[in-house]
Amino acid sequence: MIGLTIVCGLIAFAVGGIPFGYLVGRQVLKDDIRNHGSGNIGATNVTRVIGWKWGAIVLVLDALKGLLPTWGTAQLLHSQGDAPHIVLAQIAAGVCAIVGHMYPVWLKLRGGKGIATALGVILVIAPIASAVAVGVFAILAVTTRIVSIASIAATSAFAVTQLSLLGRSALELHQLPLTLFSVLMPTLIIWRHRSNIGRMRRGQENRIAEP
């Protein structure tokens, strides 16, 4: 089981590191997407620089980078161990996919913020909390037109919702991996938005263009 978990984690890291935003930029712009807009390879910058259709494609592909390894790990290990161990392996694979997106070896560790890939992961391991996070993101994206605010709030909403759902069981051994994921991964994602937070404080953060 441990060996398979490690293999799944390594595969997830490699899959998470596939830089779809960068590849789309090379195909459409004939240039590095990081030379444009915010300099990020994520769906938001692709949308801003190339257009919403390409941004939507990158969003879906980046989410699948988290969803497929997390789901696939459970399918691979379903006969190898009990439910808590399988969940632990899923979370490990999900974390590897997210970190792979943030620090892709193919781009010298210069990747995205991890929101879309994290969404793919939590859709598998925490569907209720992920629905809340998506709702918060949608509301704030529409009302503020600032994706970074929506992303940070959605990530925080996920953490609060999932910890609330876990309740008193959050510190029990079989739930501890999910508890740690629900705290540490949102913290990492918010930390990755530190430059956005700085721009928001200065009133310089980019907004979604109005239709």
Protein backbone atom coordinates (compact mmCIF):
# COMPACT_ATOMS: atom_id res chain seq x y z
CA MET A 1 0.00 0.00 0.00
CA ILE A 2 2.79 2.43 0.91
CA GLY A 3 4.61 1.74 -2.32
CA LEU A 4 1.50 2.31 -4.41
CA THR A 5 0.74 5.51 -2.50
CA ILE A 6 4.21 6.84 -3.29
CA VAL A 7 3.82 5.92 -6.96
CA CYS A 8 0.43 7.65 -7.07
CA GLY A 9 1.94 10.74 -5.46
CA LEU A 10 4.77 10.90 -7.97
CA ILE A 11 2.36 10.49 -10.88
CA ALA A 12 0.09 13.15 -9.41
CA PHE A 13 3.02 15.55 -9.06
CA ALA A 14 4.00 15.00 -12.69
CA VAL A 15 0.42 15.42 -13.90
CA GLY A 16 -0.08 18.50 -11.73
CA GLY A 17 3.00 20.03 -13.28
CA ILE A 18 1.67 19.92 -16.84
CA PRO A 19 1.57 23.68 -17.62
CA PHE A 20 -1.59 23.92 -19.70
CA GLY A 21 -1.69 27.72 -19.48
CA TYR A 22 1.89 27.93 -20.73
CA LEU A 23 1.19 25.46 -23.55
CA VAL A 24 -1.92 27.37 -24.63
CA GLY A 25 0.09 30.59 -24.61
CA ARG A 26 2.74 29.05 -26.81
CA GLN A 27 0.12 27.75 -29.21
CA VAL A 28 -2.03 30.89 -29.45
CA LEU A 29 0.34 33.77 -28.67
CA LYS A 30 3.48 32.12 -29.98
CA ASP A 31 5.03 33.48 -26.80
CA ASP A 32 5.40 32.71 -23.10
CA ILE A 33 2.13 33.64 -21.31
CA ARG A 34 4.29 34.67 -18.35
CA ASN A 35 5.47 37.66 -20.37
CA HIS A 36 1.93 39.03 -20.41
CA GLY A 37 -0.67 40.22 -17.93
CA SER A 38 0.06 39.14 -14.37
CA GLY A 39 2.81 36.78 -15.50
CA ASN A 40 0.90 33.74 -14.21
CA ILE A 41 0.13 30.52 -16.13
CA GLY A 42 -3.32 30.10 -14.59
CA ALA A 43 -6.73 30.37 -16.19
CA THR A 44 -7.33 33.94 -14.98
CA ASN A 45 -4.29 35.33 -16.78
CA VAL A 46 -5.01 33.25 -19.86
CA THR A 47 -8.53 34.70 -19.92
CA ARG A 48 -7.21 38.22 -19.50
CA VAL A 49 -4.55 37.91 -22.21
CA ILE A 50 -6.06 35.51 -24.77
CA GLY A 51 -9.79 35.38 -24.08
CA TRP A 52 -12.43 33.63 -21.98
CA LYS A 53 -12.71 30.56 -24.23
CA TRP A 54 -9.05 29.68 -23.83
CA GLY A 55 -9.25 30.59 -20.15
CA ALA A 56 -12.16 28.18 -19.68
CA ILE A 57 -10.22 25.41 -21.39
CA VAL A 58 -7.23 25.96 -19.11
CA LEU A 59 -9.52 26.10 -16.05
CA VAL A 60 -11.04 22.71 -16.87
CA LEU A 61 -7.69 21.12 -17.69
CA ASP A 62 -6.08 22.46 -14.52
CA ALA A 63 -8.99 21.17 -12.44
CA LEU A 64 -8.67 17.74 -14.06
CA LYS A 65 -5.01 17.69 -13.01
CA GLY A 66 -6.26 17.54 -9.43
CA LEU A 67 -9.42 15.51 -9.92
CA LEU A 68 -8.08 12.60 -11.97
CA PRO A 69 -5.06 11.67 -9.81
CA THR A 70 -7.15 11.96 -6.63
CA TRP A 71 -9.99 9.86 -8.03
CA GLY A 72 -7.62 7.45 -9.75
CA THR A 73 -5.72 6.80 -6.53
CA ALA A 74 -8.90 5.56 -4.85
CA GLN A 75 -9.69 3.33 -7.82
CA LEU A 76 -6.21 1.86 -7.82
CA LEU A 77 -6.11 1.21 -4.07
CA HIS A 78 -9.73 0.19 -3.44
CA SER A 79 -8.73 -3.42 -2.80
CA GLN A 80 -5.44 -2.62 -1.06
CA GLY A 81 -6.58 -1.18 2.25
CA ASP A 82 -9.37 0.18 4.42
CA ALA A 83 -11.21 3.46 3.85
CA PRO A 84 -9.03 5.69 6.11
CA HIS A 85 -5.85 4.55 4.35
CA ILE A 86 -7.39 5.11 0.93
CA VAL A 87 -8.49 8.62 1.92
CA LEU A 88 -4.97 9.33 3.19
CA ALA A 89 -3.55 8.17 -0.16
CA GLN A 90 -6.08 10.33 -2.03
CA ILE A 91 -5.15 13.39 0.00
CA ALA A 92 -1.46 12.72 -0.55
CA ALA A 93 -2.02 12.45 -4.31
CA GLY A 94 -4.13 15.61 -4.29
CA VAL A 95 -1.47 17.56 -2.42
CA CYS A 96 1.18 16.34 -4.86
CA ALA A 97 -0.95 17.46 -7.81
CA ILE A 98 -1.49 20.92 -6.32
CA VAL A 99 2.18 21.37 -5.43
CA GLY A 100 3.11 20.10 -8.88
CA HIS A 101 0.96 22.84 -10.42
CA MET A 102 2.46 25.50 -8.17
CA TYR A 103 6.05 24.36 -8.71
CA PRO A 104 6.25 22.56 -12.08
CA VAL A 105 9.63 21.07 -12.81
CA TRP A 106 9.01 21.74 -16.50
CA LEU A 107 8.99 25.52 -15.86
CA LYS A 108 11.76 25.75 -13.27
CA LEU A 109 9.22 25.73 -10.41
CA ARG A 110 7.43 28.85 -11.67
CA GLY A 111 3.79 27.78 -11.74
CA GLY A 112 0.30 28.92 -10.86
CA LYS A 113 -1.60 29.71 -7.67
CA GLY A 114 -3.26 26.29 -7.42
CA ILE A 115 -6.93 27.27 -7.22
CA ALA A 116 -8.24 25.25 -10.17
CA THR A 117 -6.15 22.18 -9.37
CA ALA A 118 -7.21 22.34 -5.73
CA LEU A 119 -10.83 22.53 -6.87
CA GLY A 120 -10.40 19.26 -8.73
CA VAL A 121 -9.00 17.65 -5.60
CA ILE A 122 -11.70 18.83 -3.20
CA LEU A 123 -14.48 17.86 -5.60
CA VAL A 124 -13.39 14.29 -4.92
CA ILE A 125 -12.50 14.32 -1.22
CA ALA A 126 -14.85 17.02 0.12
CA PRO A 127 -17.76 17.65 -2.28
CA ILE A 128 -20.00 19.58 0.15
CA ALA A 129 -17.28 22.02 1.20
CA SER A 130 -16.20 22.37 -2.43
CA ALA A 131 -19.76 23.37 -3.40
CA VAL A 132 -19.70 26.09 -0.74
CA ALA A 133 -16.32 27.30 -1.98
CA VAL A 134 -17.54 27.47 -5.58
CA GLY A 135 -20.59 29.43 -4.48
CA VAL A 136 -18.50 31.94 -2.55
CA PHE A 137 -16.13 32.31 -5.48
CA ALA A 138 -18.97 32.91 -7.95
CA ILE A 139 -20.66 35.54 -5.76
CA LEU A 140 -17.50 37.52 -5.10
CA ALA A 141 -16.19 37.21 -8.67
CA VAL A 142 -19.44 38.77 -9.90
CA THR A 143 -19.76 41.45 -7.21
CA THR A 144 -16.11 42.56 -6.90
CA ARG A 145 -14.80 41.48 -10.33
CA ILE A 146 -11.50 40.69 -8.60
CA VAL A 147 -10.57 37.04 -9.01
CA SER A 148 -7.91 37.07 -6.29
CA ILE A 149 -10.45 38.23 -3.68
CA ALA A 150 -12.88 35.55 -4.82
CA SER A 151 -10.14 32.90 -4.74
CA ILE A 152 -8.91 33.80 -1.25
CA ALA A 153 -12.44 33.96 0.13
CA ALA A 154 -13.42 30.66 -1.51
CA THR A 155 -10.34 28.95 -0.12
CA SER A 156 -11.11 30.27 3.35
CA ALA A 157 -14.76 29.22 3.00
CA PHE A 158 -13.65 25.71 2.12
CA ALA A 159 -11.50 25.48 5.25
CA VAL A 160 -14.22 26.80 7.57
CA THR A 161 -16.92 24.61 6.02
CA GLN A 162 -14.90 21.41 6.04
CA LEU A 163 -13.71 21.89 9.61
CA SER A 164 -17.30 22.60 10.65
CA LEU A 165 -18.45 19.41 8.96
CA LEU A 166 -15.74 17.42 10.71
CA GLY A 167 -16.70 18.94 14.04
CA ARG A 168 -15.39 17.10 17.08
CA SER A 169 -13.98 14.33 14.92
CA ALA A 170 -11.48 16.72 13.31
CA LEU A 171 -8.70 15.66 15.68
CA GLU A 172 -9.47 11.95 15.59
CA LEU A 173 -6.71 9.92 13.99
CA HIS A 174 -8.73 8.72 10.99
CA GLN A 175 -9.84 12.29 10.16
CA LEU A 176 -6.53 14.02 10.87
CA PRO A 177 -5.24 13.90 7.25
CA LEU A 178 -8.37 15.69 6.00
CA THR A 179 -8.18 18.16 8.88
CA LEU A 180 -4.57 19.02 8.10
CA PHE A 181 -5.34 19.30 4.39
CA SER A 182 -8.27 21.62 5.15
CA VAL A 183 -5.97 23.97 7.08
CA LEU A 184 -2.59 23.75 5.41
CA MET A 185 -3.57 23.72 1.74
CA PRO A 186 -5.76 26.87 1.95
CA THR A 187 -2.91 28.52 3.88
CA LEU A 188 -0.45 27.67 1.09
CA ILE A 189 -2.84 28.92 -1.59
CA ILE A 190 -3.40 32.21 0.26
CA TRP A 191 0.38 32.57 0.68
CA ARG A 192 0.74 32.08 -3.08
CA HIS A 193 -1.58 35.09 -3.48
CA ARG A 194 0.66 37.37 -1.42
CA SER A 195 1.55 39.54 -4.42
CA ASN A 196 -2.16 39.92 -5.17
CA ILE A 197 -2.82 40.90 -1.56
CA GLY A 198 -0.11 43.56 -1.87
CA ARG A 199 -1.72 44.96 -5.03
CA MET A 200 -5.15 44.95 -3.38
CA ARG A 201 -3.80 47.00 -0.49
CA ARG A 202 -2.46 49.52 -3.01
CA GLY A 203 -5.70 49.49 -4.99
CA GLN A 204 -3.88 48.17 -8.05
CA GLU A 205 -5.33 44.67 -8.42
CA ASN A 206 -6.72 43.82 -11.87
CA ARG A 207 -10.46 43.38 -12.30
CA ILE A 208 -12.42 41.17 -14.63
CA ALA A 209 -13.38 43.19 -17.67
CA GLU A 210 -17.04 44.15 -17.72
CA PRO A 211 -19.11 42.70 -20.59
